[in-house]
Amino acid sequence: MPATAHKTILLVDDDPEIIDSMRTVLEGKGYRVLVARDGNAGLAAAEREEPDLIILDMMMPRKSGFLVLEKLRTRPEGLIPTIMITGNEGSRHRAYAEFLGVKDYIRKPFAMEKLLRAVDAVLQGGGQAQSKA
């Protein structure tokens, strides 16, 4: 059985094209993929499903990725490993995301191979992936 079997990834993003692309690639690698299209739905899904990893967009309707992270950090079980994706260029945002405990921070647009490397690094190693871009 592949190492990815039974690993669940929650995608939280409001862009249907990005969701579809990530879902196709991740499911192709054997991951179980759940989708939430805004921050409130993402927070509810994270608390209900306990995914192994969250891929979280920073800018979304209803609740930003930062607000989702802030809320998830307060769980007794701690923060679910999270990769933040964003179109935002600001280094302050990256610094805050890292302060909140994200495992990686990837700027859009990104190659799916880059996302897969980050996912593998987090799920296989459990440590920081930290992309340089």
C-alpha atoms as a PDB file:
ATOM      1  CA  MET A   1       0.000   0.000   0.000  1.00  0.00           C
ATOM      2  CA  PRO A   2       1.468   3.414  -0.911  1.00  0.00           C
ATOM      3  CA  ALA A   3       2.511   5.771   1.873  1.00  0.00           C
ATOM      4  CA  THR A   4      -0.172   8.212   0.719  1.00  0.00           C
ATOM      5  CA  ALA A   5      -2.989   5.714   1.299  1.00  0.00           C
ATOM      6  CA  HIS A   6      -5.552   6.887   3.807  1.00  0.00           C
ATOM      7  CA  LYS A   7      -3.959  10.321   4.143  1.00  0.00           C
ATOM      8  CA  THR A   8      -6.620  13.028   3.989  1.00  0.00           C
ATOM      9  CA  ILE A   9      -5.945  16.522   2.659  1.00  0.00           C
ATOM     10  CA  LEU A  10      -8.414  19.375   3.101  1.00  0.00           C
ATOM     11  CA  LEU A  11      -8.258  22.007   0.343  1.00  0.00           C
ATOM     12  CA  VAL A  12      -9.629  25.388   1.420  1.00  0.00           C
ATOM     13  CA  ASP A  13      -9.792  27.830  -1.490  1.00  0.00           C
ATOM     14  CA  ASP A  14     -12.487  29.856  -3.240  1.00  0.00           C
ATOM     15  CA  ASP A  15     -11.018  29.473  -6.757  1.00  0.00           C
ATOM     16  CA  PRO A  16     -12.691  26.512  -8.518  1.00  0.00           C
ATOM     17  CA  GLU A  17      -9.888  26.147 -11.089  1.00  0.00           C
ATOM     18  CA  ILE A  18      -7.191  25.925  -8.436  1.00  0.00           C
ATOM     19  CA  ILE A  19      -9.289  23.496  -6.377  1.00  0.00           C
ATOM     20  CA  ASP A  20      -9.881  21.284  -9.434  1.00  0.00           C
ATOM     21  CA  SER A  21      -6.186  21.282 -10.378  1.00  0.00           C
ATOM     22  CA  MET A  22      -4.980  20.486  -6.874  1.00  0.00           C
ATOM     23  CA  ARG A  23      -7.673  17.851  -6.331  1.00  0.00           C
ATOM     24  CA  THR A  24      -6.842  16.061  -9.607  1.00  0.00           C
ATOM     25  CA  VAL A  25      -3.114  15.938  -8.860  1.00  0.00           C
ATOM     26  CA  LEU A  26      -3.491  14.933  -5.201  1.00  0.00           C
ATOM     27  CA  GLU A  27      -6.109  12.259  -5.872  1.00  0.00           C
ATOM     28  CA  GLY A  28      -3.854  10.958  -8.643  1.00  0.00           C
ATOM     29  CA  LYS A  29      -1.174  10.462  -5.979  1.00  0.00           C
ATOM     30  CA  GLY A  30      -3.556   8.470  -3.792  1.00  0.00           C
ATOM     31  CA  TYR A  31      -4.645  11.091  -1.280  1.00  0.00           C
ATOM     32  CA  ARG A  32      -8.233  11.423  -0.061  1.00  0.00           C
ATOM     33  CA  VAL A  33      -9.184  15.022  -0.838  1.00  0.00           C
ATOM     34  CA  LEU A  34     -11.857  17.118   0.867  1.00  0.00           C
ATOM     35  CA  VAL A  35     -12.842  20.574  -0.376  1.00  0.00           C
ATOM     36  CA  ALA A  36     -14.108  23.704   1.358  1.00  0.00           C
ATOM     37  CA  ARG A  37     -14.716  26.880  -0.630  1.00  0.00           C
ATOM     38  CA  ASP A  38     -14.474  29.501   2.121  1.00  0.00           C
ATOM     39  CA  GLY A  39     -12.848  29.946   5.505  1.00  0.00           C
ATOM     40  CA  ASN A  40     -15.918  29.110   7.593  1.00  0.00           C
ATOM     41  CA  ALA A  41     -16.539  25.882   5.678  1.00  0.00           C
ATOM     42  CA  GLY A  42     -12.818  25.064   5.916  1.00  0.00           C
ATOM     43  CA  LEU A  43     -12.788  25.539   9.663  1.00  0.00           C
ATOM     44  CA  ALA A  44     -15.887  23.364  10.099  1.00  0.00           C
ATOM     45  CA  ALA A  45     -14.447  20.637   7.842  1.00  0.00           C
ATOM     46  CA  ALA A  46     -11.090  20.707   9.652  1.00  0.00           C
ATOM     47  CA  GLU A  47     -12.754  20.277  13.034  1.00  0.00           C
ATOM     48  CA  ARG A  48     -15.149  17.576  11.785  1.00  0.00           C
ATOM     49  CA  GLU A  49     -12.784  15.534   9.580  1.00  0.00           C
ATOM     50  CA  GLU A  50      -9.384  15.905  11.311  1.00  0.00           C
ATOM     51  CA  PRO A  51      -7.418  15.858   8.020  1.00  0.00           C
ATOM     52  CA  ASP A  52      -3.720  14.971   7.965  1.00  0.00           C
ATOM     53  CA  LEU A  53      -2.960  18.208   6.109  1.00  0.00           C
ATOM     54  CA  ILE A  54      -4.719  21.449   5.182  1.00  0.00           C
ATOM     55  CA  ILE A  55      -3.866  23.415   2.048  1.00  0.00           C
ATOM     56  CA  LEU A  56      -5.239  26.839   2.846  1.00  0.00           C
ATOM     57  CA  ASP A  57      -5.685  29.936   0.700  1.00  0.00           C
ATOM     58  CA  MET A  58      -4.926  33.220   2.451  1.00  0.00           C
ATOM     59  CA  MET A  59      -7.570  35.439   0.832  1.00  0.00           C
ATOM     60  CA  MET A  60     -11.111  34.021   0.906  1.00  0.00           C
ATOM     61  CA  PRO A  61     -14.660  35.160   1.527  1.00  0.00           C
ATOM     62  CA  ARG A  62     -16.261  34.894   4.976  1.00  0.00           C
ATOM     63  CA  LYS A  63     -13.048  34.077   6.850  1.00  0.00           C
ATOM     64  CA  SER A  64      -9.460  34.602   5.729  1.00  0.00           C
ATOM     65  CA  GLY A  65      -6.834  31.905   5.910  1.00  0.00           C
ATOM     66  CA  PHE A  66      -5.229  33.789   8.792  1.00  0.00           C
ATOM     67  CA  LEU A  67      -8.448  33.728  10.817  1.00  0.00           C
ATOM     68  CA  VAL A  68      -8.805  30.001  10.119  1.00  0.00           C
ATOM     69  CA  LEU A  69      -5.222  29.409  11.312  1.00  0.00           C
ATOM     70  CA  GLU A  70      -5.733  31.527  14.422  1.00  0.00           C
ATOM     71  CA  LYS A  71      -8.815  29.500  15.338  1.00  0.00           C
ATOM     72  CA  LEU A  72      -7.226  26.101  14.597  1.00  0.00           C
ATOM     73  CA  ARG A  73      -4.218  26.959  16.780  1.00  0.00           C
ATOM     74  CA  THR A  74      -6.501  27.115  19.816  1.00  0.00           C
ATOM     75  CA  ARG A  75      -7.624  23.472  19.465  1.00  0.00           C
ATOM     76  CA  PRO A  76      -6.529  21.245  22.358  1.00  0.00           C
ATOM     77  CA  GLU A  77      -4.932  18.912  19.765  1.00  0.00           C
ATOM     78  CA  GLY A  78      -3.015  21.838  18.283  1.00  0.00           C
ATOM     79  CA  LEU A  79      -2.731  23.059  14.714  1.00  0.00           C
ATOM     80  CA  ILE A  80      -3.294  20.568  11.912  1.00  0.00           C
ATOM     81  CA  PRO A  81      -0.234  20.683   9.593  1.00  0.00           C
ATOM     82  CA  THR A  82      -0.980  23.443   7.091  1.00  0.00           C
ATOM     83  CA  ILE A  83       0.452  24.691   3.807  1.00  0.00           C
ATOM     84  CA  MET A  84      -0.688  28.221   2.970  1.00  0.00           C
ATOM     85  CA  ILE A  85      -1.069  29.243  -0.670  1.00  0.00           C
ATOM     86  CA  THR A  86      -1.520  32.849  -1.735  1.00  0.00           C
ATOM     87  CA  GLY A  87      -1.314  35.318  -4.558  1.00  0.00           C
ATOM     88  CA  ASN A  88      -0.111  37.908  -2.051  1.00  0.00           C
ATOM     89  CA  GLU A  89       3.454  39.164  -2.431  1.00  0.00           C
ATOM     90  CA  GLY A  90       3.860  40.694   1.022  1.00  0.00           C
ATOM     91  CA  SER A  91       6.672  39.397   3.219  1.00  0.00           C
ATOM     92  CA  ARG A  92       4.739  40.535   6.315  1.00  0.00           C
ATOM     93  CA  HIS A  93       2.002  38.060   5.419  1.00  0.00           C
ATOM     94  CA  ARG A  94       4.514  35.260   5.057  1.00  0.00           C
ATOM     95  CA  ALA A  95       6.102  36.131   8.391  1.00  0.00           C
ATOM     96  CA  TYR A  96       2.706  36.095  10.103  1.00  0.00           C
ATOM     97  CA  ALA A  97       1.766  32.770   8.488  1.00  0.00           C
ATOM     98  CA  GLU A  98       5.034  31.271   9.714  1.00  0.00           C
ATOM     99  CA  PHE A  99       4.436  32.742  13.184  1.00  0.00           C
ATOM    100  CA  LEU A 100       1.034  30.998  13.197  1.00  0.00           C
ATOM    101  CA  GLY A 101       2.772  27.709  12.428  1.00  0.00           C
ATOM    102  CA  VAL A 102       2.303  26.945   8.722  1.00  0.00           C
ATOM    103  CA  LYS A 103       4.611  24.226   7.433  1.00  0.00           C
ATOM    104  CA  ASP A 104       5.050  25.920   4.065  1.00  0.00           C
ATOM    105  CA  TYR A 105       3.992  29.101   2.271  1.00  0.00           C
ATOM    106  CA  ILE A 106       3.617  28.918  -1.500  1.00  0.00           C
ATOM    107  CA  ARG A 107       2.904  31.879  -3.766  1.00  0.00           C
ATOM    108  CA  LYS A 108       0.458  31.534  -6.666  1.00  0.00           C
ATOM    109  CA  PRO A 109       0.833  30.716  -9.446  1.00  0.00           C
ATOM    110  CA  PHE A 110       2.844  27.607  -8.622  1.00  0.00           C
ATOM    111  CA  ALA A 111       3.760  24.399 -10.403  1.00  0.00           C
ATOM    112  CA  MET A 112       1.850  21.381  -9.133  1.00  0.00           C
ATOM    113  CA  GLU A 113       5.196  19.575  -8.696  1.00  0.00           C
ATOM    114  CA  LYS A 114       6.158  22.228  -6.153  1.00  0.00           C
ATOM    115  CA  LEU A 115       2.930  21.650  -4.246  1.00  0.00           C
ATOM    116  CA  LEU A 116       3.443  17.878  -4.319  1.00  0.00           C
ATOM    117  CA  ARG A 117       6.993  18.253  -2.957  1.00  0.00           C
ATOM    118  CA  ALA A 118       5.672  20.408  -0.112  1.00  0.00           C
ATOM    119  CA  VAL A 119       2.829  17.956   0.628  1.00  0.00           C
ATOM    120  CA  ASP A 120       5.239  15.008   0.649  1.00  0.00           C
ATOM    121  CA  ALA A 121       7.694  16.860   2.894  1.00  0.00           C
ATOM    122  CA  VAL A 122       4.989  17.661   5.431  1.00  0.00           C
ATOM    123  CA  LEU A 123       3.202  14.300   5.397  1.00  0.00           C
ATOM    124  CA  GLN A 124       6.256  12.047   5.163  1.00  0.00           C
ATOM    125  CA  GLY A 125       8.652  13.998   7.328  1.00  0.00           C
ATOM    126  CA  GLY A 126       6.253  15.938   9.496  1.00  0.00           C
ATOM    127  CA  GLY A 127       8.674  18.853   9.455  1.00  0.00           C
ATOM    128  CA  GLN A 128       8.955  22.201   7.796  1.00  0.00           C
ATOM    129  CA  ALA A 129       8.945  22.142   4.015  1.00  0.00           C
ATOM    130  CA  GLN A 130       9.523  25.878   3.547  1.00  0.00           C
ATOM    131  CA  SER A 131       9.569  26.716  -0.120  1.00  0.00           C
ATOM    132  CA  LYS A 132      11.921  29.478  -1.078  1.00  0.00           C
ATOM    133  CA  ALA A 133       9.590  31.122  -3.607  1.00  0.00           C
END
